[in-house]
């Protein structure tokens, strides 16, 4: 990925890995737009990084995704990088009954949300030079953590999706990347 001269949209940019990516890429002179569910976190990041922008987005909302995608394309026609970073990680009990809300929330946030958002922006990105679609997966998608089995499974599925998408977009200007950080303690869990 070219590290300068981009217009970048990062989900989950209000904290953790998303914030660190946003700040590092902003410091290199890229135009960075972050999103997240918590307005206060977004405002804090934007205040600390003049010129960065933020938009509230819950990636579990199909209507919210469509609204934000349309706004991004209209307000930032040079948008060429999407970093799907938003995620949740909650302990579960794979050896027993899984809480249905935990299951649905985790799968929707970590897998369905990035697929929907990418789908909403992929045609726009096909028309951009140096375009990138990146997914923050996790090493837990390759070596699962037993007490976060659902989270680990979503990251394995996201890895698989990224591989398929990379293959299908190989003859375009879009590079599909996967960021697979090790497990570290963040406010995610």
N, C-alpha and C. Protein backbone atom coordinates (compact mmCIF):
# COMPACT_ATOMS: atom_id res chain seq x y z
N UNK A 1 0.85 -1.18 0.00
CA UNK A 1 0.00 0.00 0.00
C UNK A 1 0.89 1.24 0.00
N UNK A 2 0.54 2.17 -0.84
CA UNK A 2 1.20 3.47 -0.86
C UNK A 2 0.80 4.19 0.44
N UNK A 3 1.77 4.72 1.18
CA UNK A 3 1.49 5.26 2.51
C UNK A 3 1.22 6.76 2.54
N UNK A 4 1.29 7.44 1.41
CA UNK A 4 1.02 8.87 1.38
C UNK A 4 0.10 9.18 0.20
N UNK A 5 -0.55 10.34 0.28
CA UNK A 5 -1.37 10.80 -0.83
C UNK A 5 -2.70 10.10 -0.99
N UNK A 6 -3.18 9.46 0.05
CA UNK A 6 -4.44 8.72 0.00
C UNK A 6 -5.56 9.49 0.68
N UNK A 7 -6.80 9.08 0.37
CA UNK A 7 -7.97 9.45 1.14
C UNK A 7 -8.49 8.13 1.72
N UNK A 8 -8.46 8.04 3.05
CA UNK A 8 -8.64 6.77 3.75
C UNK A 8 -9.84 6.83 4.68
N UNK A 9 -10.67 5.79 4.62
CA UNK A 9 -11.79 5.63 5.55
C UNK A 9 -11.50 4.44 6.44
N UNK A 10 -11.54 4.66 7.76
CA UNK A 10 -11.22 3.61 8.74
C UNK A 10 -12.40 3.43 9.68
N UNK A 11 -12.96 2.23 9.73
CA UNK A 11 -14.00 1.94 10.70
C UNK A 11 -13.34 1.60 12.04
N UNK A 12 -14.06 1.86 13.11
CA UNK A 12 -13.49 1.59 14.43
C UNK A 12 -12.30 2.47 14.72
N UNK A 13 -12.31 3.69 14.20
CA UNK A 13 -11.17 4.59 14.34
C UNK A 13 -11.15 5.41 15.62
N UNK A 14 -12.10 5.18 16.50
CA UNK A 14 -12.17 5.95 17.73
C UNK A 14 -11.33 5.42 18.87
N UNK A 15 -10.76 4.23 18.70
CA UNK A 15 -9.96 3.65 19.78
C UNK A 15 -9.09 2.51 19.23
N UNK A 16 -8.21 2.02 20.07
CA UNK A 16 -7.42 0.83 19.78
C UNK A 16 -6.62 0.88 18.49
N UNK A 17 -6.61 -0.23 17.78
CA UNK A 17 -5.85 -0.37 16.55
C UNK A 17 -6.32 0.64 15.50
N UNK A 18 -7.63 0.85 15.40
CA UNK A 18 -8.17 1.79 14.42
C UNK A 18 -7.66 3.20 14.65
N UNK A 19 -7.64 3.62 15.90
CA UNK A 19 -7.12 4.96 16.20
C UNK A 19 -5.63 5.04 15.88
N UNK A 20 -4.88 4.02 16.26
CA UNK A 20 -3.44 4.04 15.98
C UNK A 20 -3.17 4.10 14.48
N UNK A 21 -3.91 3.32 13.70
CA UNK A 21 -3.76 3.38 12.24
C UNK A 21 -4.12 4.76 11.70
N UNK A 22 -5.24 5.30 12.18
CA UNK A 22 -5.70 6.61 11.72
C UNK A 22 -4.66 7.68 12.00
N UNK A 23 -4.13 7.69 13.21
CA UNK A 23 -3.16 8.72 13.58
C UNK A 23 -1.85 8.57 12.81
N UNK A 24 -1.40 7.34 12.63
CA UNK A 24 -0.16 7.12 11.89
C UNK A 24 -0.31 7.53 10.42
N UNK A 25 -1.43 7.18 9.82
CA UNK A 25 -1.65 7.52 8.41
C UNK A 25 -1.92 9.02 8.24
N UNK A 26 -2.59 9.63 9.20
CA UNK A 26 -2.83 11.07 9.17
C UNK A 26 -1.49 11.82 9.28
N UNK A 27 -0.61 11.35 10.15
CA UNK A 27 0.70 11.99 10.34
C UNK A 27 1.54 11.95 9.06
N UNK A 28 1.26 11.01 8.17
CA UNK A 28 1.98 10.92 6.89
C UNK A 28 1.35 11.81 5.82
N UNK A 29 0.34 12.59 6.18
CA UNK A 29 -0.25 13.54 5.25
C UNK A 29 -1.43 13.02 4.46
N UNK A 30 -1.94 11.84 4.80
CA UNK A 30 -3.14 11.33 4.15
C UNK A 30 -4.38 12.04 4.69
N UNK A 31 -5.42 12.10 3.87
CA UNK A 31 -6.72 12.56 4.34
C UNK A 31 -7.37 11.35 5.00
N UNK A 32 -7.71 11.45 6.28
CA UNK A 32 -8.24 10.31 7.03
C UNK A 32 -9.62 10.67 7.58
N UNK A 33 -10.57 9.78 7.33
CA UNK A 33 -11.91 9.88 7.87
C UNK A 33 -12.12 8.62 8.71
N UNK A 34 -12.48 8.81 9.98
CA UNK A 34 -12.70 7.67 10.86
C UNK A 34 -14.19 7.52 11.16
N UNK A 35 -14.55 6.33 11.57
CA UNK A 35 -15.93 6.11 12.00
C UNK A 35 -15.95 5.22 13.22
N UNK A 36 -17.08 5.24 13.89
CA UNK A 36 -17.31 4.41 15.06
C UNK A 36 -18.69 4.69 15.60
N UNK A 37 -19.05 3.94 16.64
CA UNK A 37 -20.37 4.10 17.25
C UNK A 37 -20.37 5.15 18.34
N UNK A 38 -19.22 5.43 18.94
CA UNK A 38 -19.16 6.32 20.10
C UNK A 38 -18.68 7.71 19.69
N UNK A 39 -19.63 8.64 19.63
CA UNK A 39 -19.35 10.02 19.20
C UNK A 39 -18.23 10.65 20.03
N UNK A 40 -18.22 10.44 21.35
CA UNK A 40 -17.21 11.05 22.21
C UNK A 40 -15.80 10.60 21.83
N UNK A 41 -15.64 9.32 21.53
CA UNK A 41 -14.32 8.81 21.11
C UNK A 41 -13.88 9.45 19.80
N UNK A 42 -14.81 9.55 18.85
CA UNK A 42 -14.49 10.15 17.56
C UNK A 42 -14.07 11.61 17.73
N UNK A 43 -14.81 12.34 18.55
CA UNK A 43 -14.49 13.76 18.79
C UNK A 43 -13.12 13.91 19.43
N UNK A 44 -12.77 13.02 20.33
CA UNK A 44 -11.46 13.06 20.98
C UNK A 44 -10.34 12.87 19.97
N UNK A 45 -10.50 11.90 19.08
CA UNK A 45 -9.47 11.62 18.07
C UNK A 45 -9.34 12.79 17.10
N UNK A 46 -10.46 13.33 16.65
CA UNK A 46 -10.43 14.45 15.71
C UNK A 46 -9.81 15.69 16.36
N UNK A 47 -10.13 15.94 17.63
CA UNK A 47 -9.56 17.09 18.34
C UNK A 47 -8.05 16.96 18.47
N UNK A 48 -7.56 15.75 18.64
CA UNK A 48 -6.12 15.51 18.78
C UNK A 48 -5.39 15.49 17.44
N UNK A 49 -6.14 15.46 16.34
CA UNK A 49 -5.55 15.34 15.00
C UNK A 49 -6.23 16.30 14.05
N UNK A 50 -5.89 17.61 14.11
CA UNK A 50 -6.53 18.59 13.25
C UNK A 50 -6.47 18.19 11.77
N UNK A 51 -7.62 18.32 11.11
CA UNK A 51 -7.73 17.94 9.70
C UNK A 51 -8.35 16.58 9.49
N UNK A 52 -8.32 15.74 10.51
CA UNK A 52 -8.98 14.44 10.43
C UNK A 52 -10.48 14.66 10.56
N UNK A 53 -11.27 13.82 9.91
CA UNK A 53 -12.72 13.92 10.01
C UNK A 53 -13.30 12.65 10.60
N UNK A 54 -14.53 12.74 11.08
CA UNK A 54 -15.19 11.58 11.67
C UNK A 54 -16.66 11.56 11.28
N UNK A 55 -17.19 10.35 11.21
CA UNK A 55 -18.60 10.15 10.95
C UNK A 55 -19.06 8.98 11.82
N UNK A 56 -20.19 9.15 12.49
CA UNK A 56 -20.74 8.06 13.29
C UNK A 56 -21.24 6.97 12.36
N UNK A 57 -20.90 5.73 12.69
CA UNK A 57 -21.37 4.58 11.91
C UNK A 57 -21.36 3.35 12.79
N UNK A 58 -22.49 2.68 12.83
CA UNK A 58 -22.60 1.36 13.44
C UNK A 58 -22.61 0.38 12.28
N UNK A 59 -21.55 -0.41 12.13
CA UNK A 59 -21.42 -1.29 10.97
C UNK A 59 -22.44 -2.43 10.97
N UNK A 60 -23.26 -2.52 12.02
CA UNK A 60 -24.32 -3.53 12.01
C UNK A 60 -25.58 -3.01 11.32
N UNK A 61 -25.57 -1.74 10.93
CA UNK A 61 -26.75 -1.12 10.32
C UNK A 61 -26.61 -1.02 8.80
N UNK A 62 -27.35 -1.83 8.04
CA UNK A 62 -27.27 -1.72 6.58
C UNK A 62 -27.63 -0.32 6.07
N UNK A 63 -28.65 0.30 6.65
CA UNK A 63 -29.04 1.65 6.23
C UNK A 63 -27.94 2.65 6.58
N UNK A 64 -27.33 2.49 7.74
CA UNK A 64 -26.23 3.36 8.13
C UNK A 64 -25.05 3.23 7.18
N UNK A 65 -24.74 2.01 6.80
CA UNK A 65 -23.65 1.77 5.84
C UNK A 65 -23.95 2.45 4.51
N UNK A 66 -25.15 2.27 4.00
CA UNK A 66 -25.51 2.90 2.72
C UNK A 66 -25.44 4.41 2.80
N UNK A 67 -25.92 4.98 3.93
CA UNK A 67 -25.90 6.43 4.11
C UNK A 67 -24.46 6.95 4.15
N UNK A 68 -23.61 6.31 4.94
CA UNK A 68 -22.22 6.76 5.07
C UNK A 68 -21.46 6.55 3.77
N UNK A 69 -21.68 5.44 3.09
CA UNK A 69 -20.98 5.19 1.81
C UNK A 69 -21.33 6.28 0.80
N UNK A 70 -22.61 6.61 0.70
CA UNK A 70 -23.03 7.66 -0.24
C UNK A 70 -22.41 9.00 0.14
N UNK A 71 -22.37 9.29 1.42
CA UNK A 71 -21.76 10.55 1.89
C UNK A 71 -20.27 10.58 1.59
N UNK A 72 -19.57 9.48 1.83
CA UNK A 72 -18.14 9.42 1.56
C UNK A 72 -17.85 9.67 0.09
N UNK A 73 -18.60 9.02 -0.77
CA UNK A 73 -18.38 9.16 -2.22
C UNK A 73 -18.66 10.60 -2.66
N UNK A 74 -19.70 11.21 -2.10
CA UNK A 74 -20.05 12.59 -2.47
C UNK A 74 -19.04 13.60 -1.90
N UNK A 75 -18.69 13.45 -0.63
CA UNK A 75 -17.82 14.42 0.04
C UNK A 75 -16.33 14.19 -0.22
N UNK A 76 -15.97 12.95 -0.54
CA UNK A 76 -14.56 12.59 -0.72
C UNK A 76 -14.40 11.72 -1.98
N UNK A 77 -14.60 12.32 -3.15
CA UNK A 77 -14.53 11.53 -4.38
C UNK A 77 -13.16 10.88 -4.63
N UNK A 78 -12.13 11.37 -3.95
CA UNK A 78 -10.80 10.76 -4.10
C UNK A 78 -10.58 9.57 -3.17
N UNK A 79 -11.61 9.20 -2.38
CA UNK A 79 -11.48 8.05 -1.47
C UNK A 79 -10.92 6.85 -2.21
N UNK A 80 -9.77 6.35 -1.75
CA UNK A 80 -9.15 5.21 -2.43
C UNK A 80 -8.73 4.09 -1.48
N UNK A 81 -8.92 4.29 -0.18
CA UNK A 81 -8.54 3.25 0.79
C UNK A 81 -9.66 3.06 1.79
N UNK A 82 -10.06 1.82 1.97
CA UNK A 82 -11.03 1.41 2.99
C UNK A 82 -10.34 0.45 3.92
N UNK A 83 -10.33 0.78 5.21
CA UNK A 83 -9.79 -0.13 6.22
C UNK A 83 -10.94 -0.55 7.12
N UNK A 84 -11.37 -1.80 6.97
CA UNK A 84 -12.43 -2.39 7.78
C UNK A 84 -11.81 -2.86 9.08
N UNK A 85 -11.93 -2.05 10.11
CA UNK A 85 -11.27 -2.34 11.37
C UNK A 85 -12.22 -2.56 12.54
N UNK A 86 -13.45 -2.04 12.46
CA UNK A 86 -14.38 -2.14 13.59
C UNK A 86 -14.58 -3.60 13.98
N UNK A 87 -14.64 -3.84 15.28
CA UNK A 87 -14.85 -5.21 15.74
C UNK A 87 -15.21 -5.25 17.21
N UNK A 88 -15.79 -6.36 17.62
CA UNK A 88 -16.06 -6.61 19.03
C UNK A 88 -15.55 -7.99 19.39
N UNK A 89 -15.13 -8.12 20.65
CA UNK A 89 -14.59 -9.39 21.14
C UNK A 89 -15.15 -9.60 22.54
N UNK A 90 -16.00 -10.61 22.68
CA UNK A 90 -16.62 -10.91 23.96
C UNK A 90 -16.35 -12.36 24.31
N UNK A 91 -16.11 -12.66 25.59
CA UNK A 91 -15.92 -14.06 25.97
C UNK A 91 -17.20 -14.85 25.76
N UNK A 92 -17.05 -16.09 25.33
CA UNK A 92 -18.21 -16.95 25.14
C UNK A 92 -17.92 -18.33 25.69
N UNK A 93 -18.88 -19.20 25.60
CA UNK A 93 -18.76 -20.56 26.13
C UNK A 93 -19.05 -21.58 25.04
N UNK A 94 -18.08 -21.84 24.19
CA UNK A 94 -18.29 -22.79 23.10
C UNK A 94 -18.58 -24.20 23.61
N UNK A 95 -18.27 -24.47 24.85
CA UNK A 95 -18.54 -25.79 25.43
C UNK A 95 -19.97 -25.88 25.95
N UNK A 96 -20.71 -24.80 25.86
CA UNK A 96 -22.08 -24.78 26.35
C UNK A 96 -22.95 -23.96 25.42
N UNK A 97 -24.05 -23.53 25.95
CA UNK A 97 -24.99 -22.73 25.15
C UNK A 97 -24.43 -21.33 24.93
N UNK A 98 -24.33 -20.91 23.66
CA UNK A 98 -23.85 -19.59 23.31
C UNK A 98 -25.00 -18.59 23.41
N UNK A 99 -24.74 -17.48 24.04
CA UNK A 99 -25.72 -16.41 24.12
C UNK A 99 -26.01 -15.93 22.70
N UNK A 100 -27.28 -15.94 22.30
CA UNK A 100 -27.64 -15.62 20.93
C UNK A 100 -27.32 -14.16 20.57
N UNK A 101 -27.52 -13.23 21.49
CA UNK A 101 -27.20 -11.83 21.21
C UNK A 101 -25.71 -11.67 20.98
N UNK A 102 -24.89 -12.30 21.81
CA UNK A 102 -23.44 -12.25 21.63
C UNK A 102 -23.07 -12.81 20.25
N UNK A 103 -23.65 -13.93 19.90
CA UNK A 103 -23.37 -14.57 18.61
C UNK A 103 -23.72 -13.65 17.44
N UNK A 104 -24.94 -13.15 17.42
CA UNK A 104 -25.40 -12.31 16.31
C UNK A 104 -24.63 -11.00 16.26
N UNK A 105 -24.42 -10.36 17.41
CA UNK A 105 -23.69 -9.10 17.44
C UNK A 105 -22.25 -9.26 16.93
N UNK A 106 -21.59 -10.33 17.35
CA UNK A 106 -20.20 -10.55 16.96
C UNK A 106 -20.08 -10.86 15.48
N UNK A 107 -20.93 -11.74 14.98
CA UNK A 107 -20.88 -12.09 13.55
C UNK A 107 -21.26 -10.89 12.69
N UNK A 108 -22.26 -10.14 13.11
CA UNK A 108 -22.70 -8.99 12.32
C UNK A 108 -21.63 -7.89 12.32
N UNK A 109 -21.04 -7.61 13.45
CA UNK A 109 -20.02 -6.56 13.53
C UNK A 109 -18.73 -6.96 12.83
N UNK A 110 -18.25 -8.15 13.09
CA UNK A 110 -16.91 -8.55 12.64
C UNK A 110 -16.86 -9.12 11.23
N UNK A 111 -17.96 -9.62 10.72
CA UNK A 111 -17.96 -10.25 9.40
C UNK A 111 -18.96 -9.60 8.44
N UNK A 112 -20.21 -9.55 8.82
CA UNK A 112 -21.24 -9.02 7.92
C UNK A 112 -21.02 -7.52 7.67
N UNK A 113 -20.69 -6.77 8.70
CA UNK A 113 -20.46 -5.33 8.54
C UNK A 113 -19.37 -5.01 7.53
N UNK A 114 -18.17 -5.60 7.66
CA UNK A 114 -17.13 -5.33 6.67
C UNK A 114 -17.52 -5.75 5.25
N UNK A 115 -18.22 -6.86 5.12
CA UNK A 115 -18.65 -7.29 3.79
C UNK A 115 -19.64 -6.28 3.21
N UNK A 116 -20.61 -5.85 4.02
CA UNK A 116 -21.59 -4.86 3.53
C UNK A 116 -20.92 -3.54 3.16
N UNK A 117 -20.01 -3.06 4.00
CA UNK A 117 -19.37 -1.78 3.73
C UNK A 117 -18.51 -1.86 2.47
N UNK A 118 -17.76 -2.93 2.34
CA UNK A 118 -16.94 -3.09 1.15
C UNK A 118 -17.82 -3.16 -0.09
N UNK A 119 -18.91 -3.88 0.00
CA UNK A 119 -19.85 -3.99 -1.11
C UNK A 119 -20.39 -2.62 -1.52
N UNK A 120 -20.63 -1.77 -0.53
CA UNK A 120 -21.16 -0.43 -0.81
C UNK A 120 -20.13 0.49 -1.47
N UNK A 121 -18.84 0.20 -1.29
CA UNK A 121 -17.79 1.08 -1.80
C UNK A 121 -16.95 0.48 -2.93
N UNK A 122 -17.08 -0.80 -3.21
CA UNK A 122 -16.16 -1.46 -4.14
C UNK A 122 -16.23 -0.88 -5.55
N UNK A 123 -17.40 -0.55 -6.05
CA UNK A 123 -17.49 0.00 -7.41
C UNK A 123 -16.79 1.36 -7.49
N UNK A 124 -16.94 2.16 -6.45
CA UNK A 124 -16.23 3.45 -6.40
C UNK A 124 -14.72 3.20 -6.39
N UNK A 125 -14.27 2.26 -5.57
CA UNK A 125 -12.84 1.99 -5.45
C UNK A 125 -12.24 1.46 -6.75
N UNK A 126 -13.03 0.76 -7.54
CA UNK A 126 -12.54 0.25 -8.83
C UNK A 126 -12.11 1.39 -9.75
N UNK A 127 -12.62 2.57 -9.55
CA UNK A 127 -12.28 3.71 -10.38
C UNK A 127 -11.15 4.56 -9.82
N UNK A 128 -10.52 4.15 -8.75
CA UNK A 128 -9.46 4.92 -8.11
C UNK A 128 -8.10 4.27 -8.34
N UNK A 129 -7.10 5.09 -8.50
CA UNK A 129 -5.72 4.60 -8.59
C UNK A 129 -5.23 4.25 -7.18
N UNK A 130 -4.37 3.27 -7.09
CA UNK A 130 -3.79 2.84 -5.81
C UNK A 130 -4.84 2.51 -4.77
N UNK A 131 -5.94 1.91 -5.19
CA UNK A 131 -7.03 1.57 -4.27
C UNK A 131 -6.66 0.37 -3.41
N UNK A 132 -7.16 0.42 -2.18
CA UNK A 132 -6.90 -0.65 -1.22
C UNK A 132 -8.16 -0.92 -0.42
N UNK A 133 -8.45 -2.20 -0.24
CA UNK A 133 -9.44 -2.65 0.73
C UNK A 133 -8.65 -3.48 1.73
N UNK A 134 -8.69 -3.06 2.99
CA UNK A 134 -7.96 -3.78 4.03
C UNK A 134 -8.93 -4.25 5.10
N UNK A 135 -8.63 -5.40 5.65
CA UNK A 135 -9.44 -5.99 6.72
C UNK A 135 -8.54 -6.25 7.91
N UNK A 136 -8.97 -5.80 9.09
CA UNK A 136 -8.26 -6.16 10.30
C UNK A 136 -8.85 -7.48 10.76
N UNK A 137 -8.08 -8.54 10.58
CA UNK A 137 -8.51 -9.84 11.09
C UNK A 137 -7.78 -10.03 12.42
N UNK A 138 -7.18 -11.16 12.63
CA UNK A 138 -6.47 -11.42 13.89
C UNK A 138 -5.73 -12.74 13.75
N UNK A 139 -4.64 -12.87 14.47
CA UNK A 139 -4.00 -14.18 14.52
C UNK A 139 -4.94 -15.21 15.14
N UNK A 140 -5.95 -14.74 15.88
CA UNK A 140 -6.92 -15.66 16.47
C UNK A 140 -7.81 -16.30 15.41
N UNK A 141 -7.79 -15.79 14.20
CA UNK A 141 -8.46 -16.45 13.08
C UNK A 141 -7.70 -17.67 12.60
N UNK A 142 -6.42 -17.75 12.95
CA UNK A 142 -5.56 -18.87 12.55
C UNK A 142 -5.32 -19.82 13.72
N UNK A 143 -5.16 -19.27 14.91
CA UNK A 143 -4.97 -20.05 16.14
C UNK A 143 -5.97 -19.49 17.15
N UNK A 144 -7.17 -20.09 17.21
CA UNK A 144 -8.25 -19.51 18.01
C UNK A 144 -7.97 -19.51 19.51
N UNK A 145 -8.58 -18.53 20.18
CA UNK A 145 -8.56 -18.48 21.63
C UNK A 145 -9.87 -19.11 22.09
N UNK A 146 -9.79 -20.17 22.85
CA UNK A 146 -10.97 -20.97 23.20
C UNK A 146 -12.08 -20.15 23.86
N UNK A 147 -11.74 -19.21 24.73
CA UNK A 147 -12.81 -18.48 25.42
C UNK A 147 -13.36 -17.32 24.61
N UNK A 148 -12.88 -17.15 23.37
CA UNK A 148 -13.49 -16.21 22.42
C UNK A 148 -13.68 -16.93 21.09
N UNK A 149 -14.34 -18.07 21.15
CA UNK A 149 -14.50 -18.92 19.97
C UNK A 149 -15.27 -18.23 18.85
N UNK A 150 -16.32 -17.50 19.18
CA UNK A 150 -17.12 -16.83 18.15
C UNK A 150 -16.27 -15.74 17.48
N UNK A 151 -15.59 -14.91 18.27
CA UNK A 151 -14.71 -13.88 17.72
C UNK A 151 -13.67 -14.52 16.80
N UNK A 152 -13.01 -15.56 17.28
CA UNK A 152 -11.97 -16.23 16.49
C UNK A 152 -12.55 -16.76 15.18
N UNK A 153 -13.75 -17.32 15.23
CA UNK A 153 -14.39 -17.84 14.02
C UNK A 153 -14.70 -16.72 13.02
N UNK A 154 -15.12 -15.55 13.53
CA UNK A 154 -15.41 -14.45 12.60
C UNK A 154 -14.14 -13.97 11.92
N UNK A 155 -13.04 -13.98 12.63
CA UNK A 155 -11.77 -13.53 12.04
C UNK A 155 -11.25 -14.56 11.03
N UNK A 156 -11.50 -15.84 11.26
CA UNK A 156 -11.14 -16.87 10.28
C UNK A 156 -11.98 -16.69 9.02
N UNK A 157 -13.27 -16.41 9.19
CA UNK A 157 -14.15 -16.19 8.05
C UNK A 157 -13.75 -14.93 7.28
N UNK A 158 -13.37 -13.88 7.99
CA UNK A 158 -12.94 -12.64 7.34
C UNK A 158 -11.67 -12.88 6.52
N UNK A 159 -10.77 -13.68 7.05
CA UNK A 159 -9.55 -14.07 6.31
C UNK A 159 -9.92 -14.78 5.01
N UNK A 160 -10.83 -15.72 5.10
CA UNK A 160 -11.26 -16.46 3.91
C UNK A 160 -11.90 -15.53 2.89
N UNK A 161 -12.75 -14.62 3.36
CA UNK A 161 -13.42 -13.68 2.45
C UNK A 161 -12.39 -12.80 1.75
N UNK A 162 -11.42 -12.30 2.50
CA UNK A 162 -10.38 -11.44 1.91
C UNK A 162 -9.59 -12.18 0.83
N UNK A 163 -9.29 -13.45 1.06
CA UNK A 163 -8.57 -14.24 0.05
C UNK A 163 -9.40 -14.37 -1.23
N UNK A 164 -10.68 -14.65 -1.07
CA UNK A 164 -11.56 -14.77 -2.24
C UNK A 164 -11.67 -13.44 -2.98
N UNK A 165 -11.85 -12.37 -2.22
CA UNK A 165 -11.98 -11.06 -2.84
C UNK A 165 -10.68 -10.66 -3.55
N UNK A 166 -9.55 -10.94 -2.93
CA UNK A 166 -8.26 -10.64 -3.56
C UNK A 166 -8.15 -11.35 -4.91
N UNK A 167 -8.54 -12.61 -4.96
CA UNK A 167 -8.48 -13.36 -6.21
C UNK A 167 -9.40 -12.74 -7.26
N UNK A 168 -10.63 -12.42 -6.85
CA UNK A 168 -11.61 -11.89 -7.80
C UNK A 168 -11.28 -10.47 -8.29
N UNK A 169 -10.51 -9.73 -7.52
CA UNK A 169 -10.14 -8.37 -7.91
C UNK A 169 -8.72 -8.28 -8.48
N UNK A 170 -8.11 -9.42 -8.75
CA UNK A 170 -6.70 -9.41 -9.18
C UNK A 170 -6.46 -8.65 -10.47
N UNK A 171 -7.45 -8.50 -11.32
CA UNK A 171 -7.27 -7.78 -12.59
C UNK A 171 -7.80 -6.35 -12.52
N UNK A 172 -7.90 -5.81 -11.31
CA UNK A 172 -8.32 -4.41 -11.11
C UNK A 172 -7.16 -3.67 -10.44
N UNK A 173 -7.37 -2.39 -10.20
CA UNK A 173 -6.37 -1.59 -9.49
C UNK A 173 -6.52 -1.68 -7.96
N UNK A 174 -7.42 -2.53 -7.47
CA UNK A 174 -7.63 -2.67 -6.03
C UNK A 174 -6.74 -3.77 -5.47
N UNK A 175 -6.00 -3.42 -4.43
CA UNK A 175 -5.25 -4.42 -3.65
C UNK A 175 -6.07 -4.75 -2.42
N UNK A 176 -6.21 -6.03 -2.14
CA UNK A 176 -6.93 -6.47 -0.94
C UNK A 176 -5.89 -6.95 0.07
N UNK A 177 -5.87 -6.30 1.23
CA UNK A 177 -4.89 -6.59 2.26
C UNK A 177 -5.57 -7.10 3.52
N UNK A 178 -4.81 -7.83 4.29
CA UNK A 178 -5.29 -8.31 5.58
C UNK A 178 -4.27 -7.91 6.63
N UNK A 179 -4.76 -7.28 7.69
CA UNK A 179 -3.94 -6.92 8.84
C UNK A 179 -4.29 -7.92 9.92
N UNK A 180 -3.31 -8.72 10.35
CA UNK A 180 -3.59 -9.77 11.34
C UNK A 180 -2.73 -9.56 12.58
N UNK A 181 -3.14 -8.61 13.43
CA UNK A 181 -2.34 -8.34 14.62
C UNK A 181 -2.46 -9.47 15.63
N UNK A 182 -1.45 -9.58 16.50
CA UNK A 182 -1.56 -10.54 17.60
C UNK A 182 -2.59 -10.05 18.58
N UNK A 183 -3.01 -10.92 19.46
CA UNK A 183 -3.94 -10.49 20.51
C UNK A 183 -3.20 -9.59 21.47
N UNK A 184 -3.74 -8.40 21.67
CA UNK A 184 -3.20 -7.46 22.64
C UNK A 184 -4.36 -6.91 23.44
N UNK A 185 -4.10 -6.48 24.66
CA UNK A 185 -5.16 -5.95 25.49
C UNK A 185 -5.49 -4.53 25.03
N UNK A 186 -6.72 -4.36 24.52
CA UNK A 186 -7.24 -3.04 24.17
C UNK A 186 -8.60 -2.92 24.84
N UNK A 187 -9.31 -1.83 24.59
CA UNK A 187 -10.65 -1.73 25.18
C UNK A 187 -11.66 -2.60 24.44
N UNK A 188 -11.17 -3.36 23.44
CA UNK A 188 -12.03 -4.31 22.73
C UNK A 188 -12.56 -5.36 23.71
N UNK A 189 -11.71 -5.75 24.67
CA UNK A 189 -12.13 -6.77 25.64
C UNK A 189 -11.59 -6.42 27.00
